[in-house]
Amino acid sequence: MRKNTVNYQLNKNKYLLDYEYDHLEKIIKTYMLKNPRDCLLLAIALNTGARATEILNIEIADINFYDQSIFIKGIKNSNDREIPINDKLFKKLKNYIDSKFANKDGQYPDRSQRIFPITYIRLHQIWEHYRPCHKKFHSLRHTFAIRLYKKNKDIRLVQFALGHRNIANTMIYADYVYSQEELKKLLL
């Protein structure tokens, strides 16, 4: 008897292709000074693989200023995880947090404040406004996972970064990347 498994298919419509990724990075860079909250939200999604709700739940207390990382509280039965952020993005995030939440002494009186105190609907409106192509916000999570896997081929690291409890959920990325690379070798 076969186990009942979900057969999720990954395809190019579910993640950002390289030129779409580059275009989104350019959009974020262009509008960062004018709309830092919106651009930081998108950049964090692209650089952490966090789900929309996980990003909206990030509080000041979840930011590790010493290690330059963000603690992501897992949803949908996924694990919590701490994701390091590159220096340039982290400085922009810290400047934003300081400008919005720090008192005159540079302290954060309420560390339980959400960094992005907006609704899920507003997040999707932001995505609709800035997106480089007609793909869902969740494509940023898939993009993060594929790019991470391509860098090191370490499926366990991708599993950890996405907060998956079951490696089977993460295997779609390894299977997809492998099949695409092998087909290119054979057909091109």
C-alpha atoms as a PDB file:
ATOM      1  CA  MET A   1       0.000   0.000   0.000  1.00  0.00           C
ATOM      2  CA  ARG A   2       1.359   3.437  -1.000  1.00  0.00           C
ATOM      3  CA  LYS A   3       1.562   6.270   1.450  1.00  0.00           C
ATOM      4  CA  ASN A   4      -0.623   9.226   0.606  1.00  0.00           C
ATOM      5  CA  THR A   5       1.871  11.955  -0.342  1.00  0.00           C
ATOM      6  CA  VAL A   6       1.435  15.416  -1.725  1.00  0.00           C
ATOM      7  CA  ASN A   7       3.039  15.769  -5.118  1.00  0.00           C
ATOM      8  CA  TYR A   8       4.046  19.439  -5.289  1.00  0.00           C
ATOM      9  CA  GLN A   9       5.541  20.421  -8.606  1.00  0.00           C
ATOM     10  CA  LEU A  10       8.022  23.271  -8.752  1.00  0.00           C
ATOM     11  CA  ASN A  11       8.311  25.098 -12.064  1.00  0.00           C
ATOM     12  CA  LYS A  12       9.578  28.404 -13.436  1.00  0.00           C
ATOM     13  CA  ASN A  13       6.260  30.086 -12.639  1.00  0.00           C
ATOM     14  CA  LYS A  14       6.781  29.547  -8.905  1.00  0.00           C
ATOM     15  CA  TYR A  15      10.127  31.263  -8.401  1.00  0.00           C
ATOM     16  CA  LEU A  16      11.978  34.260  -9.798  1.00  0.00           C
ATOM     17  CA  LEU A  17      14.228  33.576 -12.755  1.00  0.00           C
ATOM     18  CA  ASP A  18      17.647  35.226 -12.634  1.00  0.00           C
ATOM     19  CA  TYR A  19      16.626  38.260 -14.684  1.00  0.00           C
ATOM     20  CA  GLU A  20      13.454  38.692 -12.572  1.00  0.00           C
ATOM     21  CA  TYR A  21      15.528  38.416  -9.398  1.00  0.00           C
ATOM     22  CA  ASP A  22      17.962  41.041 -10.707  1.00  0.00           C
ATOM     23  CA  HIS A  23      15.063  43.301 -11.677  1.00  0.00           C
ATOM     24  CA  LEU A  24      13.538  43.032  -8.190  1.00  0.00           C
ATOM     25  CA  GLU A  25      16.882  43.849  -6.583  1.00  0.00           C
ATOM     26  CA  LYS A  26      17.124  46.916  -8.830  1.00  0.00           C
ATOM     27  CA  ILE A  27      13.575  47.972  -7.871  1.00  0.00           C
ATOM     28  CA  ILE A  28      14.385  47.563  -4.176  1.00  0.00           C
ATOM     29  CA  LYS A  29      17.588  49.578  -4.536  1.00  0.00           C
ATOM     30  CA  THR A  30      15.810  52.335  -6.498  1.00  0.00           C
ATOM     31  CA  TYR A  31      12.992  52.815  -3.973  1.00  0.00           C
ATOM     32  CA  MET A  32      14.822  52.051  -0.700  1.00  0.00           C
ATOM     33  CA  LEU A  33      15.229  55.699   0.354  1.00  0.00           C
ATOM     34  CA  LYS A  34      11.697  56.689  -0.649  1.00  0.00           C
ATOM     35  CA  ASN A  35       9.893  53.637   0.809  1.00  0.00           C
ATOM     36  CA  PRO A  36      12.272  51.871   3.205  1.00  0.00           C
ATOM     37  CA  ARG A  37       9.590  49.810   4.997  1.00  0.00           C
ATOM     38  CA  ASP A  38       8.230  48.306   1.783  1.00  0.00           C
ATOM     39  CA  CYS A  39      11.648  47.695   0.260  1.00  0.00           C
ATOM     40  CA  LEU A  40      13.077  46.193   3.455  1.00  0.00           C
ATOM     41  CA  LEU A  41      10.086  43.883   3.712  1.00  0.00           C
ATOM     42  CA  LEU A  42      10.729  42.596   0.173  1.00  0.00           C
ATOM     43  CA  ALA A  43      14.487  42.370   0.685  1.00  0.00           C
ATOM     44  CA  ILE A  44      14.051  40.388   3.898  1.00  0.00           C
ATOM     45  CA  ALA A  45      11.672  37.992   2.153  1.00  0.00           C
ATOM     46  CA  LEU A  46      14.183  37.527  -0.649  1.00  0.00           C
ATOM     47  CA  ASN A  47      17.099  37.029   1.751  1.00  0.00           C
ATOM     48  CA  THR A  48      15.506  34.810   4.407  1.00  0.00           C
ATOM     49  CA  GLY A  49      12.957  32.638   2.619  1.00  0.00           C
ATOM     50  CA  ALA A  50      10.438  33.552   5.306  1.00  0.00           C
ATOM     51  CA  ARG A  51       6.732  33.239   4.588  1.00  0.00           C
ATOM     52  CA  ALA A  52       4.600  36.400   4.428  1.00  0.00           C
ATOM     53  CA  THR A  53       3.096  35.869   7.883  1.00  0.00           C
ATOM     54  CA  GLU A  54       6.494  35.036   9.375  1.00  0.00           C
ATOM     55  CA  ILE A  55       7.844  38.365   8.118  1.00  0.00           C
ATOM     56  CA  LEU A  56       4.858  40.277   9.459  1.00  0.00           C
ATOM     57  CA  ASN A  57       5.428  38.665  12.873  1.00  0.00           C
ATOM     58  CA  ILE A  58       9.061  39.803  13.194  1.00  0.00           C
ATOM     59  CA  GLU A  59       9.491  41.902  16.331  1.00  0.00           C
ATOM     60  CA  ILE A  60      12.369  44.107  17.408  1.00  0.00           C
ATOM     61  CA  ALA A  61      13.287  41.402  19.950  1.00  0.00           C
ATOM     62  CA  ASP A  62      13.804  38.978  17.037  1.00  0.00           C
ATOM     63  CA  ILE A  63      16.670  41.043  15.649  1.00  0.00           C
ATOM     64  CA  ASN A  64      20.102  39.955  16.838  1.00  0.00           C
ATOM     65  CA  PHE A  65      22.118  43.155  16.458  1.00  0.00           C
ATOM     66  CA  TYR A  66      25.359  41.447  17.493  1.00  0.00           C
ATOM     67  CA  ASP A  67      25.210  38.535  15.022  1.00  0.00           C
ATOM     68  CA  GLN A  68      23.289  40.465  12.345  1.00  0.00           C
ATOM     69  CA  SER A  69      20.545  37.897  12.099  1.00  0.00           C
ATOM     70  CA  ILE A  70      16.773  37.625  12.279  1.00  0.00           C
ATOM     71  CA  PHE A  71      14.930  35.066  14.359  1.00  0.00           C
ATOM     72  CA  ILE A  72      12.017  33.739  12.310  1.00  0.00           C
ATOM     73  CA  LYS A  73       9.156  32.228  14.297  1.00  0.00           C
ATOM     74  CA  GLY A  74       7.906  29.309  12.230  1.00  0.00           C
ATOM     75  CA  ILE A  75       4.280  28.907  11.231  1.00  0.00           C
ATOM     76  CA  LYS A  76       2.417  26.033   9.569  1.00  0.00           C
ATOM     77  CA  ASN A  77       4.126  23.571  11.914  1.00  0.00           C
ATOM     78  CA  SER A  78       7.578  24.647  10.779  1.00  0.00           C
ATOM     79  CA  ASN A  79      10.639  25.160  12.957  1.00  0.00           C
ATOM     80  CA  ASP A  80      11.855  28.479  14.277  1.00  0.00           C
ATOM     81  CA  ARG A  81      15.197  29.488  12.804  1.00  0.00           C
ATOM     82  CA  GLU A  82      17.778  32.248  12.917  1.00  0.00           C
ATOM     83  CA  ILE A  83      18.866  33.555   9.526  1.00  0.00           C
ATOM     84  CA  PRO A  84      21.974  35.727   9.080  1.00  0.00           C
ATOM     85  CA  ILE A  85      21.567  38.852   6.965  1.00  0.00           C
ATOM     86  CA  ASN A  86      24.301  40.372   4.813  1.00  0.00           C
ATOM     87  CA  ASP A  87      25.988  43.461   6.214  1.00  0.00           C
ATOM     88  CA  LYS A  88      24.528  45.962   3.740  1.00  0.00           C
ATOM     89  CA  LEU A  89      20.923  44.839   4.252  1.00  0.00           C
ATOM     90  CA  PHE A  90      21.361  44.571   8.013  1.00  0.00           C
ATOM     91  CA  LYS A  91      22.614  48.169   8.255  1.00  0.00           C
ATOM     92  CA  LYS A  92      19.548  49.372   6.350  1.00  0.00           C
ATOM     93  CA  LEU A  93      17.285  47.331   8.618  1.00  0.00           C
ATOM     94  CA  LYS A  94      18.962  48.695  11.761  1.00  0.00           C
ATOM     95  CA  ASN A  95      18.707  52.278  10.487  1.00  0.00           C
ATOM     96  CA  TYR A  96      15.011  51.742   9.758  1.00  0.00           C
ATOM     97  CA  ILE A  97      14.371  50.226  13.194  1.00  0.00           C
ATOM     98  CA  ASP A  98      16.296  53.040  14.885  1.00  0.00           C
ATOM     99  CA  SER A  99      14.348  55.717  12.980  1.00  0.00           C
ATOM    100  CA  LYS A 100      10.946  54.174  13.766  1.00  0.00           C
ATOM    101  CA  PHE A 101      11.272  52.596  17.193  1.00  0.00           C
ATOM    102  CA  ALA A 102      14.268  53.965  19.139  1.00  0.00           C
ATOM    103  CA  ASN A 103      13.842  56.666  21.743  1.00  0.00           C
ATOM    104  CA  LYS A 104      16.177  59.669  22.018  1.00  0.00           C
ATOM    105  CA  ASP A 105      18.655  57.508  23.982  1.00  0.00           C
ATOM    106  CA  GLY A 106      18.817  54.944  21.174  1.00  0.00           C
ATOM    107  CA  GLN A 107      16.901  52.355  23.207  1.00  0.00           C
ATOM    108  CA  TYR A 108      13.837  50.382  22.139  1.00  0.00           C
ATOM    109  CA  PRO A 109      11.226  50.854  24.882  1.00  0.00           C
ATOM    110  CA  ASP A 110       8.952  48.144  23.495  1.00  0.00           C
ATOM    111  CA  ARG A 111      10.955  45.296  21.966  1.00  0.00           C
ATOM    112  CA  SER A 112       7.737  43.383  21.252  1.00  0.00           C
ATOM    113  CA  GLN A 113       6.742  45.853  18.522  1.00  0.00           C
ATOM    114  CA  ARG A 114       6.425  44.352  15.074  1.00  0.00           C
ATOM    115  CA  ILE A 115       8.885  45.827  12.600  1.00  0.00           C
ATOM    116  CA  PHE A 116       6.319  45.702   9.812  1.00  0.00           C
ATOM    117  CA  PRO A 117       3.005  46.534  11.549  1.00  0.00           C
ATOM    118  CA  ILE A 118       0.863  46.048   8.459  1.00  0.00           C
ATOM    119  CA  THR A 119      -1.787  43.552   7.426  1.00  0.00           C
ATOM    120  CA  TYR A 120      -1.368  40.540   5.208  1.00  0.00           C
ATOM    121  CA  ILE A 121      -3.538  42.299   2.617  1.00  0.00           C
ATOM    122  CA  ARG A 122      -1.262  45.358   2.694  1.00  0.00           C
ATOM    123  CA  LEU A 123       1.791  43.151   2.214  1.00  0.00           C
ATOM    124  CA  HIS A 124       0.237  41.744  -0.945  1.00  0.00           C
ATOM    125  CA  GLN A 125      -0.612  45.247  -2.172  1.00  0.00           C
ATOM    126  CA  ILE A 126       3.049  46.171  -1.703  1.00  0.00           C
ATOM    127  CA  TRP A 127       4.067  43.071  -3.650  1.00  0.00           C
ATOM    128  CA  GLU A 128       1.609  43.927  -6.444  1.00  0.00           C
ATOM    129  CA  HIS A 129       3.133  47.401  -6.652  1.00  0.00           C
ATOM    130  CA  TYR A 130       6.812  46.392  -6.713  1.00  0.00           C
ATOM    131  CA  ARG A 131       6.858  42.896  -8.168  1.00  0.00           C
ATOM    132  CA  PRO A 132       9.049  42.461 -11.253  1.00  0.00           C
ATOM    133  CA  CYS A 133       6.717  39.881 -12.815  1.00  0.00           C
ATOM    134  CA  HIS A 134       3.280  38.326 -12.340  1.00  0.00           C
ATOM    135  CA  LYS A 135       4.266  35.792  -9.716  1.00  0.00           C
ATOM    136  CA  LYS A 136       3.029  35.329  -6.173  1.00  0.00           C
ATOM    137  CA  PHE A 137       4.782  36.723  -3.098  1.00  0.00           C
ATOM    138  CA  HIS A 138       5.512  33.128  -2.065  1.00  0.00           C
ATOM    139  CA  SER A 139       7.795  32.926  -5.118  1.00  0.00           C
ATOM    140  CA  LEU A 140      10.366  34.803  -3.016  1.00  0.00           C
ATOM    141  CA  ARG A 141      10.524  31.824  -0.629  1.00  0.00           C
ATOM    142  CA  HIS A 142      11.036  29.408  -3.512  1.00  0.00           C
ATOM    143  CA  THR A 143      13.633  31.730  -5.050  1.00  0.00           C
ATOM    144  CA  PHE A 144      15.578  31.857  -1.795  1.00  0.00           C
ATOM    145  CA  ALA A 145      15.527  28.052  -1.483  1.00  0.00           C
ATOM    146  CA  ILE A 146      16.621  27.390  -5.068  1.00  0.00           C
ATOM    147  CA  ARG A 147      19.431  29.946  -4.937  1.00  0.00           C
ATOM    148  CA  LEU A 148      20.653  28.599  -1.587  1.00  0.00           C
ATOM    149  CA  TYR A 149      20.615  25.024  -2.855  1.00  0.00           C
ATOM    150  CA  LYS A 150      22.455  25.971  -6.066  1.00  0.00           C
ATOM    151  CA  LYS A 151      25.211  27.634  -4.005  1.00  0.00           C
ATOM    152  CA  ASN A 152      26.142  24.600  -1.940  1.00  0.00           C
ATOM    153  CA  LYS A 153      23.952  21.570  -2.826  1.00  0.00           C
ATOM    154  CA  ASP A 154      23.318  21.076   0.913  1.00  0.00           C
ATOM    155  CA  ILE A 155      19.673  20.049   1.222  1.00  0.00           C
ATOM    156  CA  ARG A 156      19.876  19.892   5.042  1.00  0.00           C
ATOM    157  CA  LEU A 157      20.939  23.539   5.138  1.00  0.00           C
ATOM    158  CA  VAL A 158      17.988  24.476   2.914  1.00  0.00           C
ATOM    159  CA  GLN A 159      15.699  22.435   5.184  1.00  0.00           C
ATOM    160  CA  PHE A 160      16.960  24.359   8.215  1.00  0.00           C
ATOM    161  CA  ALA A 161      16.725  27.762   6.484  1.00  0.00           C
ATOM    162  CA  LEU A 162      13.116  27.136   5.453  1.00  0.00           C
ATOM    163  CA  GLY A 163      12.139  25.675   8.818  1.00  0.00           C
ATOM    164  CA  HIS A 164      10.889  22.424   7.302  1.00  0.00           C
ATOM    165  CA  ARG A 165      10.448  19.636   9.846  1.00  0.00           C
ATOM    166  CA  ASN A 166      10.361  16.969   7.151  1.00  0.00           C
ATOM    167  CA  ILE A 167      13.162  16.725   4.578  1.00  0.00           C
ATOM    168  CA  ALA A 168      10.624  15.487   2.014  1.00  0.00           C
ATOM    169  CA  ASN A 169       9.191  19.010   1.866  1.00  0.00           C
ATOM    170  CA  THR A 170      12.627  20.359   1.015  1.00  0.00           C
ATOM    171  CA  MET A 171      13.515  17.714  -1.567  1.00  0.00           C
ATOM    172  CA  ILE A 172      11.425  19.463  -4.230  1.00  0.00           C
ATOM    173  CA  TYR A 173      14.248  22.012  -4.560  1.00  0.00           C
ATOM    174  CA  ALA A 174      17.010  19.426  -4.949  1.00  0.00           C
ATOM    175  CA  ASP A 175      14.910  17.388  -7.383  1.00  0.00           C
ATOM    176  CA  TYR A 176      14.037  20.441  -9.455  1.00  0.00           C
ATOM    177  CA  VAL A 177      17.575  21.838  -9.630  1.00  0.00           C
ATOM    178  CA  TYR A 178      19.026  18.404 -10.405  1.00  0.00           C
ATOM    179  CA  SER A 179      16.528  17.655 -13.168  1.00  0.00           C
ATOM    180  CA  GLN A 180      17.011  21.072 -14.778  1.00  0.00           C
ATOM    181  CA  GLU A 181      20.818  20.825 -14.679  1.00  0.00           C
ATOM    182  CA  GLU A 182      20.862  17.260 -16.021  1.00  0.00           C
ATOM    183  CA  LEU A 183      18.411  18.018 -18.806  1.00  0.00           C
ATOM    184  CA  LYS A 184      20.547  20.973 -19.890  1.00  0.00           C
ATOM    185  CA  LYS A 185      23.633  18.738 -20.002  1.00  0.00           C
ATOM    186  CA  LEU A 186      21.842  16.146 -22.112  1.00  0.00           C
ATOM    187  CA  LEU A 187      19.875  18.370 -24.432  1.00  0.00           C
ATOM    188  CA  LEU A 188      22.016  21.443 -24.958  1.00  0.00           C
END
